[in-house]
Amino acid sequence: MSQSETLSTVEAVRYERFSDFYPYYLGEHANRTCRRLHFVGSTLALVLTVLAVFTQQWWLLAVAVIEGYAFAWVGHFFFEHNKPASFKQPWFSYRGDWKMWWQTLTGKIAF
């Protein structure tokens, strides 16, 4: 089997459980700079969301989403050199982002 066939097979996998998906997700975030960009982007998105709620300036929610994904995608395209997991399984990827964020915040994953 060629390398491109192997990659196609791996990318075709659809995970049924988050517990099965998360190790794959972490593998897609092996590059430390990519993980750092995810952490910074998610933190800024969280701050903007809280700010939107307290100020009732709802346009900040759109900025939070755009900004959060922008940081993550820069990490993938320029440092990790892969497609974001959100292109494959968006809900599990979203959950993975926050689990990785929490594990980074608590020191389980190195910043």
PDB file of N, CA and C in Angstrom:
ATOM      1  N   MET A   1       0.844  -1.174   0.000  1.00  0.00           N
ATOM      2  CA  MET A   1       0.000   0.000   0.000  1.00  0.00           C
ATOM      3  C   MET A   1       0.893   1.242   0.000  1.00  0.00           C
ATOM      4  N   SER A   2       0.588   2.202  -0.851  1.00  0.00           N
ATOM      5  CA  SER A   2       1.401   3.421  -0.928  1.00  0.00           C
ATOM      6  C   SER A   2       1.084   4.335   0.252  1.00  0.00           C
ATOM      7  N   GLN A   3       1.962   5.325   0.467  1.00  0.00           N
ATOM      8  CA  GLN A   3       1.758   6.260   1.567  1.00  0.00           C
ATOM      9  C   GLN A   3       0.464   7.048   1.375  1.00  0.00           C
ATOM     10  N   SER A   4       0.144   7.449   0.149  1.00  0.00           N
ATOM     11  CA  SER A   4      -1.086   8.218  -0.083  1.00  0.00           C
ATOM     12  C   SER A   4      -2.320   7.364   0.189  1.00  0.00           C
ATOM     13  N   GLU A   5      -2.251   6.059  -0.138  1.00  0.00           N
ATOM     14  CA  GLU A   5      -3.379   5.176   0.166  1.00  0.00           C
ATOM     15  C   GLU A   5      -3.536   5.015   1.674  1.00  0.00           C
ATOM     16  N   THR A   6      -2.421   4.937   2.392  1.00  0.00           N
ATOM     17  CA  THR A   6      -2.470   4.820   3.846  1.00  0.00           C
ATOM     18  C   THR A   6      -3.089   6.074   4.452  1.00  0.00           C
ATOM     19  N   LEU A   7      -2.671   7.253   3.993  1.00  0.00           N
ATOM     20  CA  LEU A   7      -3.234   8.487   4.504  1.00  0.00           C
ATOM     21  C   LEU A   7      -4.718   8.577   4.213  1.00  0.00           C
ATOM     22  N   SER A   8      -5.147   8.173   3.023  1.00  0.00           N
ATOM     23  CA  SER A   8      -6.561   8.213   2.679  1.00  0.00           C
ATOM     24  C   SER A   8      -7.364   7.300   3.594  1.00  0.00           C
ATOM     25  N   THR A   9      -6.802   6.129   3.898  1.00  0.00           N
ATOM     26  CA  THR A   9      -7.480   5.192   4.779  1.00  0.00           C
ATOM     27  C   THR A   9      -7.607   5.778   6.181  1.00  0.00           C
ATOM     28  N   VAL A  10      -6.552   6.369   6.690  1.00  0.00           N
ATOM     29  CA  VAL A  10      -6.581   6.967   8.024  1.00  0.00           C
ATOM     30  C   VAL A  10      -7.580   8.110   8.066  1.00  0.00           C
ATOM     31  N   GLU A  11      -7.577   8.957   7.055  1.00  0.00           N
ATOM     32  CA  GLU A  11      -8.478  10.101   7.049  1.00  0.00           C
ATOM     33  C   GLU A  11      -9.931   9.686   6.887  1.00  0.00           C
ATOM     34  N   ALA A  12     -10.190   8.493   6.375  1.00  0.00           N
ATOM     35  CA  ALA A  12     -11.549   8.026   6.170  1.00  0.00           C
ATOM     36  C   ALA A  12     -12.170   7.471   7.452  1.00  0.00           C
ATOM     37  N   VAL A  13     -11.375   7.272   8.501  1.00  0.00           N
ATOM     38  CA  VAL A  13     -11.883   6.723   9.752  1.00  0.00           C
ATOM     39  C   VAL A  13     -12.848   7.722  10.385  1.00  0.00           C
ATOM     40  N   ARG A  14     -14.017   7.219  10.785  1.00  0.00           N
ATOM     41  CA  ARG A  14     -14.992   8.032  11.514  1.00  0.00           C
ATOM     42  C   ARG A  14     -15.091   7.451  12.916  1.00  0.00           C
ATOM     43  N   TYR A  15     -14.727   8.222  13.901  1.00  0.00           N
ATOM     44  CA  TYR A  15     -14.756   7.760  15.279  1.00  0.00           C
ATOM     45  C   TYR A  15     -16.176   7.869  15.823  1.00  0.00           C
ATOM     46  N   GLU A  16     -16.580   6.846  16.530  1.00  0.00           N
ATOM     47  CA  GLU A  16     -17.919   6.816  17.124  1.00  0.00           C
ATOM     48  C   GLU A  16     -17.924   7.357  18.554  1.00  0.00           C
ATOM     49  N   ARG A  17     -16.782   7.247  19.221  1.00  0.00           N
ATOM     50  CA  ARG A  17     -16.682   7.700  20.610  1.00  0.00           C
ATOM     51  C   ARG A  17     -15.552   8.703  20.747  1.00  0.00           C
ATOM     52  N   PHE A  18     -15.788   9.713  21.568  1.00  0.00           N
ATOM     53  CA  PHE A  18     -14.772  10.726  21.796  1.00  0.00           C
ATOM     54  C   PHE A  18     -13.512  10.117  22.411  1.00  0.00           C
ATOM     55  N   SER A  19     -13.684   9.133  23.284  1.00  0.00           N
ATOM     56  CA  SER A  19     -12.528   8.500  23.928  1.00  0.00           C
ATOM     57  C   SER A  19     -11.617   7.823  22.909  1.00  0.00           C
ATOM     58  N   ASP A  20     -12.157   7.378  21.796  1.00  0.00           N
ATOM     59  CA  ASP A  20     -11.345   6.800  20.715  1.00  0.00           C
ATOM     60  C   ASP A  20     -10.724   7.891  19.843  1.00  0.00           C
ATOM     61  N   PHE A  21     -11.439   8.985  19.682  1.00  0.00           N
ATOM     62  CA  PHE A  21     -10.999  10.086  18.833  1.00  0.00           C
ATOM     63  C   PHE A  21      -9.856  10.885  19.457  1.00  0.00           C
ATOM     64  N   TYR A  22      -9.904  11.087  20.769  1.00  0.00           N
ATOM     65  CA  TYR A  22      -8.969  12.007  21.414  1.00  0.00           C
ATOM     66  C   TYR A  22      -7.498  11.641  21.218  1.00  0.00           C
ATOM     67  N   PRO A  23      -7.099  10.371  21.303  1.00  0.00           N
ATOM     68  CA  PRO A  23      -5.686  10.067  21.004  1.00  0.00           C
ATOM     69  C   PRO A  23      -5.289  10.451  19.575  1.00  0.00           C
ATOM     70  N   TYR A  24      -6.189  10.246  18.624  1.00  0.00           N
ATOM     71  CA  TYR A  24      -5.941  10.684  17.244  1.00  0.00           C
ATOM     72  C   TYR A  24      -5.786  12.209  17.215  1.00  0.00           C
ATOM     73  N   TYR A  25      -6.679  12.902  17.913  1.00  0.00           N
ATOM     74  CA  TYR A  25      -6.652  14.361  17.967  1.00  0.00           C
ATOM     75  C   TYR A  25      -5.312  14.855  18.500  1.00  0.00           C
ATOM     76  N   LEU A  26      -4.836  14.248  19.590  1.00  0.00           N
ATOM     77  CA  LEU A  26      -3.541  14.651  20.151  1.00  0.00           C
ATOM     78  C   LEU A  26      -2.407  14.398  19.162  1.00  0.00           C
ATOM     79  N   GLY A  27      -2.497  13.321  18.399  1.00  0.00           N
ATOM     80  CA  GLY A  27      -1.491  13.040  17.380  1.00  0.00           C
ATOM     81  C   GLY A  27      -1.463  14.087  16.292  1.00  0.00           C
ATOM     82  N   GLU A  28      -2.607  14.673  16.017  1.00  0.00           N
ATOM     83  CA  GLU A  28      -2.696  15.743  15.021  1.00  0.00           C
ATOM     84  C   GLU A  28      -2.184  17.073  15.576  1.00  0.00           C
ATOM     85  N   HIS A  29      -1.855  17.102  16.855  1.00  0.00           N
ATOM     86  CA  HIS A  29      -1.362  18.303  17.528  1.00  0.00           C
ATOM     87  C   HIS A  29      -0.027  18.025  18.216  1.00  0.00           C
ATOM     88  N   ALA A  30       0.830  17.285  17.540  1.00  0.00           N
ATOM     89  CA  ALA A  30       2.127  16.912  18.107  1.00  0.00           C
ATOM     90  C   ALA A  30       3.093  18.099  18.171  1.00  0.00           C
ATOM     91  N   ASN A  31       2.934  19.053  17.273  1.00  0.00           N
ATOM     92  CA  ASN A  31       3.829  20.205  17.223  1.00  0.00           C
ATOM     93  C   ASN A  31       3.499  21.174  18.364  1.00  0.00           C
ATOM     94  N   ARG A  32       4.497  21.501  19.151  1.00  0.00           N
ATOM     95  CA  ARG A  32       4.285  22.351  20.324  1.00  0.00           C
ATOM     96  C   ARG A  32       3.775  23.750  19.960  1.00  0.00           C
ATOM     97  N   THR A  33       4.270  24.324  18.878  1.00  0.00           N
ATOM     98  CA  THR A  33       3.810  25.658  18.457  1.00  0.00           C
ATOM     99  C   THR A  33       2.348  25.602  18.065  1.00  0.00           C
ATOM    100  N   CYS A  34       1.945  24.543  17.391  1.00  0.00           N
ATOM    101  CA  CYS A  34       0.535  24.381  17.023  1.00  0.00           C
ATOM    102  C   CYS A  34      -0.327  24.329  18.283  1.00  0.00           C
ATOM    103  N   ARG A  35       0.089  23.536  19.273  1.00  0.00           N
ATOM    104  CA  ARG A  35      -0.668  23.443  20.526  1.00  0.00           C
ATOM    105  C   ARG A  35      -0.716  24.789  21.239  1.00  0.00           C
ATOM    106  N   ARG A  36       0.373  25.515  21.222  1.00  0.00           N
ATOM    107  CA  ARG A  36       0.401  26.836  21.862  1.00  0.00           C
ATOM    108  C   ARG A  36      -0.570  27.789  21.165  1.00  0.00           C
ATOM    109  N   LEU A  37      -0.578  27.765  19.848  1.00  0.00           N
ATOM    110  CA  LEU A  37      -1.504  28.627  19.110  1.00  0.00           C
ATOM    111  C   LEU A  37      -2.953  28.249  19.414  1.00  0.00           C
ATOM    112  N   HIS A  38      -3.229  26.961  19.529  1.00  0.00           N
ATOM    113  CA  HIS A  38      -4.577  26.533  19.928  1.00  0.00           C
ATOM    114  C   HIS A  38      -4.934  27.093  21.307  1.00  0.00           C
ATOM    115  N   PHE A  39      -4.013  26.964  22.242  1.00  0.00           N
ATOM    116  CA  PHE A  39      -4.272  27.423  23.602  1.00  0.00           C
ATOM    117  C   PHE A  39      -4.535  28.926  23.635  1.00  0.00           C
ATOM    118  N   VAL A  40      -3.695  29.693  22.967  1.00  0.00           N
ATOM    119  CA  VAL A  40      -3.864  31.152  22.943  1.00  0.00           C
ATOM    120  C   VAL A  40      -5.180  31.519  22.248  1.00  0.00           C
ATOM    121  N   GLY A  41      -5.449  30.899  21.104  1.00  0.00           N
ATOM    122  CA  GLY A  41      -6.676  31.199  20.376  1.00  0.00           C
ATOM    123  C   GLY A  41      -7.924  30.842  21.169  1.00  0.00           C
ATOM    124  N   SER A  42      -7.912  29.690  21.821  1.00  0.00           N
ATOM    125  CA  SER A  42      -9.070  29.279  22.626  1.00  0.00           C
ATOM    126  C   SER A  42      -9.247  30.193  23.833  1.00  0.00           C
ATOM    127  N   THR A  43      -8.150  30.596  24.449  1.00  0.00           N
ATOM    128  CA  THR A  43      -8.227  31.496  25.601  1.00  0.00           C
ATOM    129  C   THR A  43      -8.807  32.843  25.186  1.00  0.00           C
ATOM    130  N   LEU A  44      -8.322  33.380  24.079  1.00  0.00           N
ATOM    131  CA  LEU A  44      -8.854  34.661  23.599  1.00  0.00           C
ATOM    132  C   LEU A  44     -10.330  34.541  23.221  1.00  0.00           C
ATOM    133  N   ALA A  45     -10.699  33.426  22.609  1.00  0.00           N
ATOM    134  CA  ALA A  45     -12.106  33.207  22.252  1.00  0.00           C
ATOM    135  C   ALA A  45     -12.976  33.158  23.511  1.00  0.00           C
ATOM    136  N   LEU A  46     -12.482  32.512  24.551  1.00  0.00           N
ATOM    137  CA  LEU A  46     -13.217  32.436  25.813  1.00  0.00           C
ATOM    138  C   LEU A  46     -13.378  33.823  26.437  1.00  0.00           C
ATOM    139  N   VAL A  47     -12.297  34.586  26.439  1.00  0.00           N
ATOM    140  CA  VAL A  47     -12.343  35.950  26.994  1.00  0.00           C
ATOM    141  C   VAL A  47     -13.331  36.807  26.200  1.00  0.00           C
ATOM    142  N   LEU A  48     -13.298  36.707  24.875  1.00  0.00           N
ATOM    143  CA  LEU A  48     -14.220  37.488  24.043  1.00  0.00           C
ATOM    144  C   LEU A  48     -15.668  37.070  24.269  1.00  0.00           C
ATOM    145  N   THR A  49     -15.902  35.787  24.485  1.00  0.00           N
ATOM    146  CA  THR A  49     -17.259  35.301  24.747  1.00  0.00           C
ATOM    147  C   THR A  49     -17.779  35.848  26.073  1.00  0.00           C
ATOM    148  N   VAL A  50     -16.955  35.792  27.099  1.00  0.00           N
ATOM    149  CA  VAL A  50     -17.349  36.342  28.406  1.00  0.00           C
ATOM    150  C   VAL A  50     -17.590  37.842  28.286  1.00  0.00           C
ATOM    151  N   LEU A  51     -16.717  38.525  27.573  1.00  0.00           N
ATOM    152  CA  LEU A  51     -16.878  39.965  27.364  1.00  0.00           C
ATOM    153  C   LEU A  51     -18.177  40.273  26.623  1.00  0.00           C
ATOM    154  N   ALA A  52     -18.509  39.473  25.631  1.00  0.00           N
ATOM    155  CA  ALA A  52     -19.760  39.667  24.882  1.00  0.00           C
ATOM    156  C   ALA A  52     -20.968  39.537  25.794  1.00  0.00           C
ATOM    157  N   VAL A  53     -20.946  38.556  26.677  1.00  0.00           N
ATOM    158  CA  VAL A  53     -22.073  38.337  27.591  1.00  0.00           C
ATOM    159  C   VAL A  53     -22.211  39.516  28.559  1.00  0.00           C
ATOM    160  N   PHE A  54     -21.098  39.962  29.127  1.00  0.00           N
ATOM    161  CA  PHE A  54     -21.166  41.043  30.112  1.00  0.00           C
ATOM    162  C   PHE A  54     -21.483  42.404  29.491  1.00  0.00           C
ATOM    163  N   THR A  55     -21.022  42.636  28.274  1.00  0.00           N
ATOM    164  CA  THR A  55     -21.263  43.934  27.632  1.00  0.00           C
ATOM    165  C   THR A  55     -22.473  43.915  26.710  1.00  0.00           C
ATOM    166  N   GLN A  56     -22.981  42.728  26.440  1.00  0.00           N
ATOM    167  CA  GLN A  56     -24.081  42.519  25.491  1.00  0.00           C
ATOM    168  C   GLN A  56     -23.747  43.068  24.101  1.00  0.00           C
ATOM    169  N   GLN A  57     -22.488  43.018  23.763  1.00  0.00           N
ATOM    170  CA  GLN A  57     -22.039  43.361  22.414  1.00  0.00           C
ATOM    171  C   GLN A  57     -21.849  42.038  21.673  1.00  0.00           C
ATOM    172  N   TRP A  58     -22.943  41.557  21.085  1.00  0.00           N
ATOM    173  CA  TRP A  58     -23.005  40.204  20.552  1.00  0.00           C
ATOM    174  C   TRP A  58     -22.120  39.979  19.332  1.00  0.00           C
ATOM    175  N   TRP A  59     -21.712  41.030  18.666  1.00  0.00           N
ATOM    176  CA  TRP A  59     -20.798  40.889  17.534  1.00  0.00           C
ATOM    177  C   TRP A  59     -19.458  40.296  17.980  1.00  0.00           C
ATOM    178  N   LEU A  60     -19.139  40.421  19.270  1.00  0.00           N
ATOM    179  CA  LEU A  60     -17.904  39.843  19.785  1.00  0.00           C
ATOM    180  C   LEU A  60     -17.909  38.312  19.707  1.00  0.00           C
ATOM    181  N   LEU A  61     -19.090  37.707  19.689  1.00  0.00           N
ATOM    182  CA  LEU A  61     -19.175  36.249  19.547  1.00  0.00           C
ATOM    183  C   LEU A  61     -18.636  35.806  18.188  1.00  0.00           C
ATOM    184  N   ALA A  62     -18.971  36.566  17.155  1.00  0.00           N
ATOM    185  CA  ALA A  62     -18.452  36.244  15.818  1.00  0.00           C
ATOM    186  C   ALA A  62     -16.935  36.419  15.788  1.00  0.00           C
ATOM    187  N   VAL A  63     -16.449  37.466  16.415  1.00  0.00           N
ATOM    188  CA  VAL A  63     -15.001  37.698  16.480  1.00  0.00           C
ATOM    189  C   VAL A  63     -14.333  36.554  17.235  1.00  0.00           C
ATOM    190  N   ALA A  64     -14.960  36.086  18.301  1.00  0.00           N
ATOM    191  CA  ALA A  64     -14.397  34.991  19.095  1.00  0.00           C
ATOM    192  C   ALA A  64     -14.241  33.727  18.249  1.00  0.00           C
ATOM    193  N   VAL A  65     -15.248  33.398  17.473  1.00  0.00           N
ATOM    194  CA  VAL A  65     -15.194  32.196  16.629  1.00  0.00           C
ATOM    195  C   VAL A  65     -14.110  32.342  15.560  1.00  0.00           C
ATOM    196  N   ILE A  66     -14.119  33.459  14.868  1.00  0.00           N
ATOM    197  CA  ILE A  66     -13.146  33.685  13.791  1.00  0.00           C
ATOM    198  C   ILE A  66     -11.725  33.675  14.349  1.00  0.00           C
ATOM    199  N   GLU A  67     -11.524  34.375  15.441  1.00  0.00           N
ATOM    200  CA  GLU A  67     -10.197  34.481  16.046  1.00  0.00           C
ATOM    201  C   GLU A  67      -9.726  33.121  16.556  1.00  0.00           C
ATOM    202  N   GLY A  68     -10.600  32.376  17.201  1.00  0.00           N
ATOM    203  CA  GLY A  68     -10.222  31.061  17.721  1.00  0.00           C
ATOM    204  C   GLY A  68      -9.768  30.120  16.624  1.00  0.00           C
ATOM    205  N   TYR A  69     -10.550  30.048  15.547  1.00  0.00           N
ATOM    206  CA  TYR A  69     -10.172  29.175  14.436  1.00  0.00           C
ATOM    207  C   TYR A  69      -8.942  29.696  13.695  1.00  0.00           C
ATOM    208  N   ALA A  70      -8.771  31.004  13.613  1.00  0.00           N
ATOM    209  CA  ALA A  70      -7.613  31.565  12.907  1.00  0.00           C
ATOM    210  C   ALA A  70      -6.312  31.115  13.561  1.00  0.00           C
ATOM    211  N   PHE A  71      -6.228  31.206  14.868  1.00  0.00           N
ATOM    212  CA  PHE A  71      -5.021  30.762  15.569  1.00  0.00           C
ATOM    213  C   PHE A  71      -4.768  29.276  15.328  1.00  0.00           C
ATOM    214  N   ALA A  72      -5.817  28.477  15.451  1.00  0.00           N
ATOM    215  CA  ALA A  72      -5.673  27.026  15.277  1.00  0.00           C
ATOM    216  C   ALA A  72      -5.225  26.687  13.857  1.00  0.00           C
ATOM    217  N   TRP A  73      -5.839  27.300  12.871  1.00  0.00           N
ATOM    218  CA  TRP A  73      -5.522  26.968  11.477  1.00  0.00           C
ATOM    219  C   TRP A  73      -4.120  27.407  11.103  1.00  0.00           C
ATOM    220  N   VAL A  74      -3.662  28.530  11.642  1.00  0.00           N
ATOM    221  CA  VAL A  74      -2.270  28.930  11.411  1.00  0.00           C
ATOM    222  C   VAL A  74      -1.346  27.851  11.962  1.00  0.00           C
ATOM    223  N   GLY A  75      -1.657  27.349  13.133  1.00  0.00           N
ATOM    224  CA  GLY A  75      -0.857  26.279  13.723  1.00  0.00           C
ATOM    225  C   GLY A  75      -0.803  25.045  12.852  1.00  0.00           C
ATOM    226  N   HIS A  76      -1.937  24.667  12.286  1.00  0.00           N
ATOM    227  CA  HIS A  76      -1.974  23.468  11.448  1.00  0.00           C
ATOM    228  C   HIS A  76      -1.277  23.675  10.105  1.00  0.00           C
ATOM    229  N   PHE A  77      -1.590  24.748   9.426  1.00  0.00           N
ATOM    230  CA  PHE A  77      -1.073  24.942   8.081  1.00  0.00           C
ATOM    231  C   PHE A  77       0.409  25.297   8.049  1.00  0.00           C
ATOM    232  N   PHE A  78       0.899  26.024   9.049  1.00  0.00           N
ATOM    233  CA  PHE A  78       2.282  26.492   9.007  1.00  0.00           C
ATOM    234  C   PHE A  78       3.248  25.728   9.919  1.00  0.00           C
ATOM    235  N   PHE A  79       2.728  25.062  10.925  1.00  0.00           N
ATOM    236  CA  PHE A  79       3.618  24.374  11.866  1.00  0.00           C
ATOM    237  C   PHE A  79       3.387  22.862  11.889  1.00  0.00           C
ATOM    238  N   GLU A  80       2.147  22.447  11.950  1.00  0.00           N
ATOM    239  CA  GLU A  80       1.831  21.017  12.005  1.00  0.00           C
ATOM    240  C   GLU A  80       1.822  20.394  10.605  1.00  0.00           C
ATOM    241  N   HIS A  81       1.511  21.199   9.608  1.00  0.00           N
ATOM    242  CA  HIS A  81       1.455  20.771   8.202  1.00  0.00           C
ATOM    243  C   HIS A  81       0.430  19.651   7.994  1.00  0.00           C
ATOM    244  N   ASN A  82      -0.747  19.852   8.548  1.00  0.00           N
ATOM    245  CA  ASN A  82      -1.852  18.926   8.320  1.00  0.00           C
ATOM    246  C   ASN A  82      -3.162  19.710   8.299  1.00  0.00           C
ATOM    247  N   LYS A  83      -4.229  19.024   7.967  1.00  0.00           N
ATOM    248  CA  LYS A  83      -5.550  19.658   7.976  1.00  0.00           C
ATOM    249  C   LYS A  83      -6.104  19.606   9.390  1.00  0.00           C
ATOM    250  N   PRO A  84      -6.763  20.676   9.829  1.00  0.00           N
ATOM    251  CA  PRO A  84      -7.358  20.651  11.165  1.00  0.00           C
ATOM    252  C   PRO A  84      -8.360  19.508  11.304  1.00  0.00           C
ATOM    253  N   ALA A  85      -8.392  18.914  12.487  1.00  0.00           N
ATOM    254  CA  ALA A  85      -9.327  17.821  12.755  1.00  0.00           C
ATOM    255  C   ALA A  85     -10.772  18.281  12.617  1.00  0.00           C
ATOM    256  N   SER A  86     -11.012  19.598  12.732  1.00  0.00           N
ATOM    257  CA  SER A  86     -12.382  20.117  12.604  1.00  0.00           C
ATOM    258  C   SER A  86     -12.947  19.896  11.211  1.00  0.00           C
ATOM    259  N   PHE A  87     -12.088  19.674  10.218  1.00  0.00           N
ATOM    260  CA  PHE A  87     -12.552  19.376   8.875  1.00  0.00           C
ATOM    261  C   PHE A  87     -13.096  17.950   8.782  1.00  0.00           C
ATOM    262  N   LYS A  88     -12.649  17.075   9.696  1.00  0.00           N
ATOM    263  CA  LYS A  88     -13.012  15.664   9.631  1.00  0.00           C
ATOM    264  C   LYS A  88     -14.182  15.333  10.555  1.00  0.00           C
ATOM    265  N   GLN A  89     -14.083  15.728  11.800  1.00  0.00           N
ATOM    266  CA  GLN A  89     -15.133  15.463  12.781  1.00  0.00           C
ATOM    267  C   GLN A  89     -15.284  16.705  13.660  1.00  0.00           C
ATOM    268  N   PRO A  90     -16.117  17.650  13.233  1.00  0.00           N
ATOM    269  CA  PRO A  90     -16.177  18.955  13.900  1.00  0.00           C
ATOM    270  C   PRO A  90     -16.569  18.908  15.378  1.00  0.00           C
ATOM    271  N   TRP A  91     -17.559  18.106  15.760  1.00  0.00           N
ATOM    272  CA  TRP A  91     -17.988  18.102  17.155  1.00  0.00           C
ATOM    273  C   TRP A  91     -16.906  17.515  18.064  1.00  0.00           C
ATOM    274  N   PHE A  92     -16.352  16.372  17.673  1.00  0.00           N
ATOM    275  CA  PHE A  92     -15.280  15.775  18.473  1.00  0.00           C
ATOM    276  C   PHE A  92     -14.066  16.696  18.510  1.00  0.00           C
ATOM    277  N   SER A  93     -13.798  17.366  17.427  1.00  0.00           N
ATOM    278  CA  SER A  93     -12.668  18.287  17.379  1.00  0.00           C
ATOM    279  C   SER A  93     -12.871  19.449  18.344  1.00  0.00           C
ATOM    280  N   TYR A  94     -14.080  19.983  18.377  1.00  0.00           N
ATOM    281  CA  TYR A  94     -14.404  21.073  19.302  1.00  0.00           C
ATOM    282  C   TYR A  94     -14.199  20.618  20.749  1.00  0.00           C
ATOM    283  N   ARG A  95     -14.698  19.433  21.057  1.00  0.00           N
ATOM    284  CA  ARG A  95     -14.509  18.874  22.402  1.00  0.00           C
ATOM    285  C   ARG A  95     -13.026  18.642  22.684  1.00  0.00           C
ATOM    286  N   GLY A  96     -12.295  18.168  21.665  1.00  0.00           N
ATOM    287  CA  GLY A  96     -10.859  17.941  21.813  1.00  0.00           C
ATOM    288  C   GLY A  96     -10.105  19.228  22.083  1.00  0.00           C
ATOM    289  N   ASP A  97     -10.513  20.304  21.405  1.00  0.00           N
ATOM    290  CA  ASP A  97      -9.872  21.606  21.640  1.00  0.00           C
ATOM    291  C   ASP A  97      -9.940  21.982  23.114  1.00  0.00           C
ATOM    292  N   TRP A  98     -11.134  21.837  23.688  1.00  0.00           N
ATOM    293  CA  TRP A  98     -11.307  22.269  25.069  1.00  0.00           C
ATOM    294  C   TRP A  98     -10.678  21.306  26.056  1.00  0.00           C
ATOM    295  N   LYS A  99     -10.675  20.025  25.737  1.00  0.00           N
ATOM    296  CA  LYS A  99      -9.992  19.075  26.618  1.00  0.00           C
ATOM    297  C   LYS A  99      -8.490  19.343  26.593  1.00  0.00           C
ATOM    298  N   MET A 100      -7.917  19.570  25.400  1.00  0.00           N
ATOM    299  CA  MET A 100      -6.489  19.875  25.289  1.00  0.00           C
ATOM    300  C   MET A 100      -6.185  21.202  25.988  1.00  0.00           C
ATOM    301  N   TRP A 101      -7.088  22.186  25.856  1.00  0.00           N
ATOM    302  CA  TRP A 101      -6.914  23.472  26.521  1.00  0.00           C
ATOM    303  C   TRP A 101      -6.843  23.264  28.031  1.00  0.00           C
ATOM    304  N   TRP A 102      -7.788  22.485  28.578  1.00  0.00           N
ATOM    305  CA  TRP A 102      -7.813  22.240  30.012  1.00  0.00           C
ATOM    306  C   TRP A 102      -6.557  21.492  30.471  1.00  0.00           C
ATOM    307  N   GLN A 103      -6.162  20.498  29.704  1.00  0.00           N
ATOM    308  CA  GLN A 103      -4.973  19.733  30.077  1.00  0.00           C
ATOM    309  C   GLN A 103      -3.712  20.592  29.987  1.00  0.00           C
ATOM    310  N   THR A 104      -3.686  21.543  29.092  1.00  0.00           N
ATOM    311  CA  THR A 104      -2.569  22.479  29.017  1.00  0.00           C
ATOM    312  C   THR A 104      -2.594  23.430  30.216  1.00  0.00           C
ATOM    313  N   LEU A 105      -3.773  23.952  30.522  1.00  0.00           N
ATOM    314  CA  LEU A 105      -3.931  24.869  31.655  1.00  0.00           C
ATOM    315  C   LEU A 105      -3.511  24.217  32.964  1.00  0.00           C
ATOM    316  N   THR A 106      -3.849  22.938  33.127  1.00  0.00           N
ATOM    317  CA  THR A 106      -3.559  22.229  34.374  1.00  0.00           C
ATOM    318  C   THR A 106      -2.186  21.552  34.370  1.00  0.00           C
ATOM    319  N   GLY A 107      -1.419  21.695  33.283  1.00  0.00           N
ATOM    320  CA  GLY A 107      -0.064  21.173  33.231  1.00  0.00           C
ATOM    321  C   GLY A 107       0.064  19.725  32.784  1.00  0.00           C
ATOM    322  N   LYS A 108      -1.033  19.073  32.436  1.00  0.00           N
ATOM    323  CA  LYS A 108      -0.944  17.689  31.984  1.00  0.00           C
ATOM    324  C   LYS A 108      -0.279  17.597  30.606  1.00  0.00           C
ATOM    325  N   ILE A 109      -0.504  18.628  29.774  1.00  0.00           N
ATOM    326  CA  ILE A 109       0.156  18.746  28.474  1.00  0.00           C
ATOM    327  C   ILE A 109       1.060  19.975  28.551  1.00  0.00           C
ATOM    328  N   ALA A 110       2.294  19.821  28.125  1.00  0.00           N
ATOM    329  CA  ALA A 110       3.267  20.921  28.212  1.00  0.00           C
ATOM    330  C   ALA A 110       2.885  22.060  27.294  1.00  0.00           C
ATOM    331  N   PHE A 111       2.989  23.274  27.827  1.00  0.00           N
ATOM    332  CA  PHE A 111       2.786  24.480  27.013  1.00  0.00           C
ATOM    333  C   PHE A 111       4.085  24.735  26.288  1.00  0.00           C
TER     334      PHE A 111
END
